[in-house]
Each structure stands twice: as structure tokens, then as C-alpha cells.
Amino acid sequence: MSMAEVIIVGTERRLRPVLMAASLTAFGLLPMLFATGPGSEIQRPLAIVVIGGLVSSTFLTLILLPILYEIFGEAKQEQV
């Protein structure tokens, strides 16, 4: 298989598990995000940071990592 096909197939295989894990964790933090009771001044910023990290790590895993692999993986293949 060519490098582009390998990247597409690999990304498609990882799409579902990564999205499921990130979305379930984010949905689990929603009550913390909308908390208004005592202690919510600590819970809300924590939930915002964790959900932001999930979004950014999902972006990096599914979009940026395959792009970087294509850029730097091709050079390695040509040297061998």
C-alpha cells in the first residue's frame, strides 16, 4: 500500500475509538461544567480545562498526527 493509503486506513480505524472515548469523557464532565452549588468555583474551571484538552488531543490525534506522519514518514521510507 502507498503511504497515503496507509494513513487514510489507519485514521479511519482510529476515528471511532478516539471519538467515543473523548465524547464519553466530555459528556461525563458536563454536570461538573454546569454545577452551581458549593464547590462549583473549583469544579467548573477544571471541567473546562479537561474538555478543552480532550478537544485539542482529539484534533491532534486525528488530523495533525497523520499529516506529520505523511511528511516525516515518507522521508524515512525513501532513505531505506
C-alpha atoms as a PDB file:
ATOM      1  CA  MET A   1       0.000   0.000   0.000  1.00  0.00           C
ATOM      2  CA  SER A   2       1.132   3.536  -0.591  1.00  0.00           C
ATOM      3  CA  MET A   3       1.862   5.877   2.290  1.00  0.00           C
ATOM      4  CA  ALA A   4      -1.319   7.889   1.633  1.00  0.00           C
ATOM      5  CA  GLU A   5      -3.496   4.748   1.701  1.00  0.00           C
ATOM      6  CA  VAL A   6      -1.888   3.564   4.934  1.00  0.00           C
ATOM      7  CA  ILE A   7      -2.559   6.923   6.569  1.00  0.00           C
ATOM      8  CA  ILE A   8      -6.188   7.024   5.430  1.00  0.00           C
ATOM      9  CA  VAL A   9      -6.912   3.447   6.541  1.00  0.00           C
ATOM     10  CA  GLY A  10      -5.166   3.975   9.886  1.00  0.00           C
ATOM     11  CA  THR A  11      -7.008   7.225  10.544  1.00  0.00           C
ATOM     12  CA  GLU A  12     -10.354   5.640   9.668  1.00  0.00           C
ATOM     13  CA  ARG A  13      -9.666   2.763  12.069  1.00  0.00           C
ATOM     14  CA  ARG A  14      -8.779   5.117  14.924  1.00  0.00           C
ATOM     15  CA  LEU A  15     -11.615   7.599  14.305  1.00  0.00           C
ATOM     16  CA  ARG A  16     -14.376   5.718  16.115  1.00  0.00           C
ATOM     17  CA  PRO A  17     -12.462   4.692  19.276  1.00  0.00           C
ATOM     18  CA  VAL A  18     -10.908   8.130  19.727  1.00  0.00           C
ATOM     19  CA  LEU A  19     -14.209   9.954  19.241  1.00  0.00           C
ATOM     20  CA  MET A  20     -16.057   7.549  21.534  1.00  0.00           C
ATOM     21  CA  ALA A  21     -13.527   7.911  24.348  1.00  0.00           C
ATOM     22  CA  ALA A  22     -13.341  11.694  24.074  1.00  0.00           C
ATOM     23  CA  SER A  23     -17.098  12.225  23.779  1.00  0.00           C
ATOM     24  CA  LEU A  24     -17.958   9.929  26.684  1.00  0.00           C
ATOM     25  CA  THR A  25     -15.439  11.669  28.908  1.00  0.00           C
ATOM     26  CA  ALA A  26     -16.733  15.096  27.854  1.00  0.00           C
ATOM     27  CA  PHE A  27     -20.345  14.061  28.474  1.00  0.00           C
ATOM     28  CA  GLY A  28     -19.320  12.771  31.902  1.00  0.00           C
ATOM     29  CA  LEU A  29     -17.874  16.184  32.741  1.00  0.00           C
ATOM     30  CA  LEU A  30     -20.956  18.149  31.668  1.00  0.00           C
ATOM     31  CA  PRO A  31     -22.559  18.043  35.142  1.00  0.00           C
ATOM     32  CA  MET A  32     -19.324  19.464  36.542  1.00  0.00           C
ATOM     33  CA  LEU A  33     -19.331  22.173  33.897  1.00  0.00           C
ATOM     34  CA  PHE A  34     -22.854  23.328  34.741  1.00  0.00           C
ATOM     35  CA  ALA A  35     -22.587  22.922  38.523  1.00  0.00           C
ATOM     36  CA  THR A  36     -23.863  25.874  40.581  1.00  0.00           C
ATOM     37  CA  GLY A  37     -23.686  24.519  44.122  1.00  0.00           C
ATOM     38  CA  PRO A  38     -20.963  24.819  46.721  1.00  0.00           C
ATOM     39  CA  GLY A  39     -17.543  23.995  45.318  1.00  0.00           C
ATOM     40  CA  SER A  40     -18.548  24.781  41.756  1.00  0.00           C
ATOM     41  CA  GLU A  41     -15.974  27.595  41.608  1.00  0.00           C
ATOM     42  CA  ILE A  42     -13.327  24.851  41.573  1.00  0.00           C
ATOM     43  CA  GLN A  43     -15.211  22.246  39.524  1.00  0.00           C
ATOM     44  CA  ARG A  44     -16.160  24.474  36.593  1.00  0.00           C
ATOM     45  CA  PRO A  45     -12.610  25.588  35.632  1.00  0.00           C
ATOM     46  CA  LEU A  46     -11.389  22.010  35.973  1.00  0.00           C
ATOM     47  CA  ALA A  47     -14.112  20.745  33.648  1.00  0.00           C
ATOM     48  CA  ILE A  48     -13.343  23.493  31.127  1.00  0.00           C
ATOM     49  CA  VAL A  49      -9.655  22.608  31.084  1.00  0.00           C
ATOM     50  CA  VAL A  50     -10.254  18.864  30.777  1.00  0.00           C
ATOM     51  CA  ILE A  51     -12.829  19.256  27.996  1.00  0.00           C
ATOM     52  CA  GLY A  52     -10.502  21.661  26.176  1.00  0.00           C
ATOM     53  CA  GLY A  53      -7.696  19.132  26.476  1.00  0.00           C
ATOM     54  CA  LEU A  54      -9.938  16.405  25.087  1.00  0.00           C
ATOM     55  CA  VAL A  55     -10.878  18.533  22.094  1.00  0.00           C
ATOM     56  CA  SER A  56      -7.281  19.510  21.374  1.00  0.00           C
ATOM     57  CA  SER A  57      -5.915  15.971  21.822  1.00  0.00           C
ATOM     58  CA  THR A  58      -8.640  14.583  19.559  1.00  0.00           C
ATOM     59  CA  PHE A  59      -7.713  17.163  16.917  1.00  0.00           C
ATOM     60  CA  LEU A  60      -4.035  16.317  17.254  1.00  0.00           C
ATOM     61  CA  THR A  61      -4.623  12.563  17.089  1.00  0.00           C
ATOM     62  CA  LEU A  62      -6.998  12.525  14.134  1.00  0.00           C
ATOM     63  CA  ILE A  63      -5.778  15.423  11.995  1.00  0.00           C
ATOM     64  CA  LEU A  64      -2.294  16.655  12.837  1.00  0.00           C
ATOM     65  CA  LEU A  65      -0.629  13.305  13.583  1.00  0.00           C
ATOM     66  CA  PRO A  66      -1.491  11.731  10.190  1.00  0.00           C
ATOM     67  CA  ILE A  67      -0.262  14.884   8.443  1.00  0.00           C
ATOM     68  CA  LEU A  68       3.036  14.800  10.339  1.00  0.00           C
ATOM     69  CA  TYR A  69       3.387  11.080   9.655  1.00  0.00           C
ATOM     70  CA  GLU A  70       2.940  11.714   5.947  1.00  0.00           C
ATOM     71  CA  ILE A  71       5.522  14.490   5.965  1.00  0.00           C
ATOM     72  CA  PHE A  72       8.198  12.750   8.017  1.00  0.00           C
ATOM     73  CA  GLY A  73       7.318   9.102   7.313  1.00  0.00           C
ATOM     74  CA  GLU A  74       7.876   9.468   3.578  1.00  0.00           C
ATOM     75  CA  ALA A  75      11.441  10.709   4.042  1.00  0.00           C
ATOM     76  CA  LYS A  76      12.271   7.709   6.243  1.00  0.00           C
ATOM     77  CA  GLN A  77      10.882   5.303   3.642  1.00  0.00           C
ATOM     78  CA  GLU A  78      12.967   6.822   0.831  1.00  0.00           C
ATOM     79  CA  GLN A  79      16.228   6.530   2.805  1.00  0.00           C
ATOM     80  CA  VAL A  80      15.854   2.769   3.333  1.00  0.00           C
END
